Amino acid sequence: MNISELKEFLDEKAAHYNHPRFVETDPIQIPHRFSQKENIEIAGLLTATIAWGNRQSIIKNASRLMTLLENQPFQFITEASERELKMVSGFTHRTFNHADTLFFLQALRHIYGNHGGLETVFSEGFRQEGSVWSALKNFRTVFLETGGPLRTRKHLPDVTAGSAAKRLNMFMRWMVRNDRCGVDFGLWKQIPASALMLPLDLHTGNVSRKLGLLSRRQNDRKAVEEITAHLRNFDPADPVKYDFALFGLGIFEKF
């Protein structure tokens, strides 16, 4: 395919998968259970954090975590006693264990109590350098202000060390991008969709290489930048809409 044919192909696939039916099989269904902004943010971040492995397992465990938070994550995190927080910390998902759960809840309490919430933390980071990478860097810095176990840091990607930050880039897509299709939320208004970076995983990486969008062999930050630069040529205002195309081709069509 030449460039125009590739754009037409990806536009068609993005439109096909960026549809409400996508929610039915994707972890994004968890934050879609809520209407309050803070509940959507917290449910989204916690779900994105454990979004690796089998998708049904991710959805099942994220649902269980929301139940432990009494299906009111913002109220629970901001009002629960330390004893109640520790009761929830029995939650685990693969290598995300009880110590990680407890620290994440405590860190979120700190962010909403002292930093104005998740949107403020990400937006302030974005303004520092005008990039998603600076937003993710600031989030990690603020999140770790209260310390926490060293083992938990592996669940907080360090973009300064070259991480692709797949799960956090996916979370930002959920929060920032307004697709008018009922999938991504478009809750955050201070970060433009044009600045978003592709949530790069094994599937999107492999499809991108087959389509000539990625030459780099590693799925790291440089690979994210390479692919997203190509996608911006196709749609400068909304480059990560093509996440639906690349992911759909890899997962559903075994491209």
Protein backbone atom coordinates (compact mmCIF):
# COMPACT_ATOMS: atom_id res chain seq x y z
CA MET A 1 0.00 0.00 0.00
CA ASN A 2 1.14 3.54 -0.70
CA ILE A 3 0.67 6.27 1.92
CA SER A 4 -2.81 7.33 0.81
CA GLU A 5 -3.98 3.71 0.63
CA LEU A 6 -2.56 3.00 4.08
CA LYS A 7 -4.31 6.05 5.53
CA GLU A 8 -7.61 5.01 3.95
CA PHE A 9 -7.17 1.46 5.28
CA LEU A 10 -6.40 2.63 8.83
CA ASP A 11 -9.20 5.22 8.80
CA GLU A 12 -11.64 2.47 7.87
CA LYS A 13 -10.39 0.16 10.62
CA ALA A 14 -10.34 2.94 13.23
CA ALA A 15 -13.95 3.84 12.44
CA HIS A 16 -14.94 0.17 12.63
CA TYR A 17 -13.41 -0.48 16.05
CA ASN A 18 -13.93 2.96 17.63
CA HIS A 19 -17.54 1.99 18.29
CA PRO A 20 -19.64 1.41 21.44
CA ARG A 21 -19.48 -2.35 20.89
CA PHE A 22 -15.72 -2.11 21.57
CA VAL A 23 -16.54 -1.33 25.22
CA GLU A 24 -18.22 -4.71 25.69
CA THR A 25 -14.96 -6.67 25.45
CA ASP A 26 -12.42 -4.09 26.65
CA PRO A 27 -11.23 -3.09 30.15
CA ILE A 28 -12.52 0.44 29.42
CA GLN A 29 -15.93 -0.98 30.38
CA ILE A 30 -14.93 -0.65 34.05
CA PRO A 31 -14.73 3.18 34.19
CA HIS A 32 -17.81 3.25 31.95
CA ARG A 33 -19.80 1.96 34.91
CA PHE A 34 -19.49 5.35 36.58
CA SER A 35 -20.77 8.85 35.89
CA GLN A 36 -18.88 11.01 38.41
CA LYS A 37 -15.64 12.39 36.98
CA GLU A 38 -13.48 11.33 39.92
CA ASN A 39 -14.91 7.81 39.92
CA ILE A 40 -14.17 7.48 36.21
CA GLU A 41 -10.60 8.71 36.71
CA ILE A 42 -9.83 6.41 39.62
CA ALA A 43 -11.52 3.37 38.10
CA GLY A 44 -9.70 4.10 34.84
CA LEU A 45 -6.27 4.42 36.43
CA LEU A 46 -6.62 1.30 38.57
CA THR A 47 -7.97 -0.71 35.65
CA ALA A 48 -5.23 0.50 33.30
CA THR A 49 -2.60 -0.31 35.93
CA ILE A 50 -3.54 -4.00 35.95
CA ALA A 51 -4.21 -4.16 32.19
CA TRP A 52 -1.78 -6.86 31.18
CA GLY A 53 -2.46 -10.51 30.49
CA ASN A 54 -5.80 -12.03 29.50
CA ARG A 55 -8.41 -9.35 28.85
CA GLN A 56 -11.21 -11.28 30.54
CA SER A 57 -9.02 -11.75 33.60
CA ILE A 58 -8.28 -8.02 33.65
CA ILE A 59 -12.00 -7.19 33.49
CA LYS A 60 -12.87 -9.77 36.15
CA ASN A 61 -10.22 -8.55 38.58
CA ALA A 62 -10.90 -4.86 37.95
CA SER A 63 -14.59 -5.56 38.64
CA ARG A 64 -13.63 -7.27 41.88
CA LEU A 65 -11.52 -4.30 42.90
CA MET A 66 -14.41 -1.91 42.26
CA THR A 67 -16.61 -4.12 44.46
CA LEU A 68 -14.01 -3.93 47.23
CA LEU A 69 -14.15 -0.14 46.84
CA GLU A 70 -17.94 -0.40 47.33
CA ASN A 71 -18.44 0.77 43.73
CA GLN A 72 -17.69 4.29 44.93
CA PRO A 73 -13.93 4.51 44.40
CA PHE A 74 -13.57 8.27 44.99
CA GLN A 75 -15.64 8.29 48.16
CA PHE A 76 -13.96 5.15 49.46
CA ILE A 77 -10.42 6.38 48.83
CA THR A 78 -11.03 9.81 50.34
CA GLU A 79 -13.14 8.72 53.34
CA ALA A 80 -12.12 5.16 54.28
CA SER A 81 -10.21 4.52 57.47
CA GLU A 82 -6.75 3.00 57.37
CA ARG A 83 -8.31 -0.25 58.55
CA GLU A 84 -10.77 -0.21 55.65
CA LEU A 85 -7.97 0.56 53.19
CA LYS A 86 -5.97 -2.38 54.49
CA MET A 87 -8.99 -4.67 54.10
CA VAL A 88 -9.13 -3.81 50.39
CA SER A 89 -5.39 -4.36 50.08
CA GLY A 90 -5.96 -8.11 49.97
CA PHE A 91 -6.59 -7.60 46.25
CA THR A 92 -4.04 -9.03 43.81
CA HIS A 93 -3.71 -9.34 40.03
CA ARG A 94 -0.77 -11.35 38.73
CA THR A 95 2.33 -9.56 40.14
CA PHE A 96 0.27 -6.62 41.44
CA ASN A 97 -0.04 -7.70 45.07
CA HIS A 98 -1.57 -6.51 48.34
CA ALA A 99 1.29 -4.11 49.11
CA ASP A 100 0.90 -2.51 45.69
CA THR A 101 -2.86 -2.18 46.14
CA LEU A 102 -2.53 -0.49 49.52
CA PHE A 103 0.10 1.95 48.26
CA PHE A 104 -1.93 2.85 45.17
CA LEU A 105 -4.97 3.64 47.31
CA GLN A 106 -2.89 5.72 49.73
CA ALA A 107 -1.17 7.55 46.87
CA LEU A 108 -4.53 8.35 45.23
CA ARG A 109 -5.80 9.68 48.56
CA HIS A 110 -2.72 11.90 48.70
CA ILE A 111 -3.25 13.15 45.14
CA TYR A 112 -6.90 14.05 45.66
CA GLY A 113 -6.28 15.48 49.11
CA ASN A 114 -3.16 17.53 48.35
CA HIS A 115 -2.78 17.97 44.58
CA GLY A 116 -6.29 18.63 43.28
CA GLY A 117 -6.77 15.21 41.68
CA LEU A 118 -5.41 13.21 38.77
CA GLU A 119 -6.33 15.68 36.04
CA THR A 120 -4.45 18.46 37.82
CA VAL A 121 -1.33 16.32 38.27
CA PHE A 122 -1.23 15.20 34.64
CA SER A 123 -2.10 18.65 33.29
CA GLU A 124 0.54 20.43 35.37
CA GLY A 125 3.11 17.94 34.13
CA PHE A 126 2.02 18.49 30.56
CA ARG A 127 2.46 22.26 30.89
CA GLN A 128 6.02 21.85 32.17
CA GLU A 129 7.34 20.70 28.79
CA GLY A 130 4.26 20.57 26.59
CA SER A 131 4.39 16.81 26.14
CA VAL A 132 2.72 13.64 27.32
CA TRP A 133 6.11 12.44 28.53
CA SER A 134 6.39 15.35 30.95
CA ALA A 135 2.82 14.63 32.12
CA LEU A 136 3.74 11.02 32.85
CA LYS A 137 6.98 12.05 34.53
CA ASN A 138 5.16 14.45 36.86
CA PHE A 139 2.50 11.87 37.67
CA ARG A 140 5.14 9.34 38.72
CA THR A 141 6.96 11.93 40.84
CA VAL A 142 3.80 13.01 42.66
CA PHE A 143 2.54 9.45 43.04
CA LEU A 144 5.74 8.44 44.81
CA GLU A 145 5.85 11.45 47.14
CA THR A 146 4.57 9.37 50.05
CA GLY A 147 7.23 6.71 49.60
CA GLY A 148 5.80 3.23 49.36
CA PRO A 149 7.51 -0.14 48.80
CA LEU A 150 10.26 -0.24 46.20
CA ARG A 151 8.59 -3.20 44.49
CA THR A 152 5.58 -1.02 43.61
CA ARG A 153 7.68 1.26 41.40
CA LYS A 154 7.68 -1.37 38.65
CA HIS A 155 3.96 -0.66 38.22
CA LEU A 156 4.74 3.02 37.59
CA PRO A 157 6.56 3.32 34.25
CA ASP A 158 9.57 5.63 34.17
CA VAL A 159 9.54 7.41 30.83
CA THR A 160 12.88 9.06 31.61
CA ALA A 161 14.36 5.55 31.43
CA GLY A 162 12.78 4.89 28.03
CA SER A 163 9.58 3.12 29.03
CA ALA A 164 6.80 3.00 26.44
CA ALA A 165 4.31 3.50 29.31
CA LYS A 166 1.65 1.52 27.44
CA ARG A 167 -0.91 1.37 30.24
CA LEU A 168 -0.63 5.03 31.23
CA ASN A 169 -0.78 6.16 27.60
CA MET A 170 -3.94 4.08 27.28
CA PHE A 171 -5.35 5.71 30.41
CA MET A 172 -4.57 9.15 29.00
CA ARG A 173 -6.30 8.21 25.75
CA TRP A 174 -9.38 7.28 27.76
CA MET A 175 -9.38 10.54 29.71
CA VAL A 176 -8.31 13.05 27.04
CA ARG A 177 -9.66 11.89 23.72
CA ASN A 178 -13.29 12.74 22.94
CA ASP A 179 -14.26 10.33 20.19
CA ARG A 180 -17.99 11.24 20.21
CA CYS A 181 -18.58 7.52 19.83
CA GLY A 182 -19.08 6.58 23.46
CA VAL A 183 -15.73 4.85 23.96
CA ASP A 184 -13.08 7.36 25.12
CA PHE A 185 -14.37 9.85 27.70
CA GLY A 186 -12.84 13.21 26.80
CA LEU A 187 -13.03 14.34 30.43
CA TRP A 188 -9.74 16.19 30.56
CA LYS A 189 -9.69 19.50 28.69
CA GLN A 190 -6.20 20.86 29.40
CA ILE A 191 -4.28 18.29 27.35
CA PRO A 192 -5.00 18.19 23.60
CA ALA A 193 -5.70 14.91 21.84
CA SER A 194 -3.09 15.94 19.27
CA ALA A 195 -0.38 15.46 21.95
CA LEU A 196 -1.33 11.91 22.89
CA MET A 197 1.06 9.02 22.25
CA LEU A 198 0.15 5.54 21.04
CA PRO A 199 -0.34 2.92 23.78
CA LEU A 200 2.21 0.52 22.34
CA ASP A 201 1.92 -3.18 23.16
CA LEU A 202 2.96 -6.43 21.52
CA HIS A 203 -0.02 -6.44 19.14
CA THR A 204 0.12 -2.82 18.00
CA GLY A 205 3.89 -3.09 17.65
CA ASN A 206 3.72 -6.18 15.43
CA VAL A 207 0.97 -4.74 13.24
CA SER A 208 2.86 -1.45 12.92
CA ARG A 209 5.97 -3.26 11.72
CA LYS A 210 3.99 -5.20 9.13
CA LEU A 211 2.47 -1.95 7.86
CA GLY A 212 5.83 -0.16 7.72
CA LEU A 213 5.01 2.25 10.54
CA LEU A 214 7.75 0.97 12.83
CA SER A 215 11.31 -0.06 12.09
CA ARG A 216 12.57 -0.19 15.66
CA ARG A 217 12.69 -3.71 17.13
CA GLN A 218 12.11 -2.79 20.78
CA ASN A 219 8.71 -1.68 22.07
CA ASP A 220 10.05 1.31 24.00
CA ARG A 221 9.59 5.07 24.15
CA LYS A 222 11.51 5.62 20.91
CA ALA A 223 9.24 3.13 19.17
CA VAL A 224 6.17 4.99 20.47
CA GLU A 225 7.57 8.24 19.12
CA GLU A 226 8.32 6.67 15.73
CA ILE A 227 4.84 5.21 15.26
CA THR A 228 2.99 8.24 16.61
CA ALA A 229 4.91 10.52 14.25
CA HIS A 230 3.60 8.49 11.32
CA LEU A 231 0.08 8.54 12.71
CA ARG A 232 0.20 12.33 13.10
CA ASN A 233 0.81 12.57 9.37
CA PHE A 234 -2.51 10.78 8.88
CA ASP A 235 -4.45 12.82 11.47
CA PRO A 236 -2.54 15.59 13.30
CA ALA A 237 -5.49 16.41 15.56
CA ASP A 238 -6.24 12.85 16.65
CA PRO A 239 -3.31 10.50 15.97
CA VAL A 240 -4.16 7.87 18.58
CA LYS A 241 -7.55 7.11 17.07
CA TYR A 242 -5.45 4.66 15.07
CA ASP A 243 -4.85 2.71 18.27
CA PHE A 244 -8.27 1.18 17.57
CA ALA A 245 -7.17 0.18 14.07
CA LEU A 246 -3.81 -1.30 15.07
CA PHE A 247 -5.17 -3.05 18.16
CA GLY A 248 -8.23 -4.36 16.32
CA LEU A 249 -6.12 -5.70 13.48
CA GLY A 250 -3.85 -7.50 15.92
CA ILE A 251 -6.39 -8.85 18.43
CA PHE A 252 -9.51 -9.46 16.38
CA GLU A 253 -8.16 -10.04 12.88
CA LYS A 254 -4.82 -11.70 13.72
CA PHE A 255 -3.24 -9.45 11.06
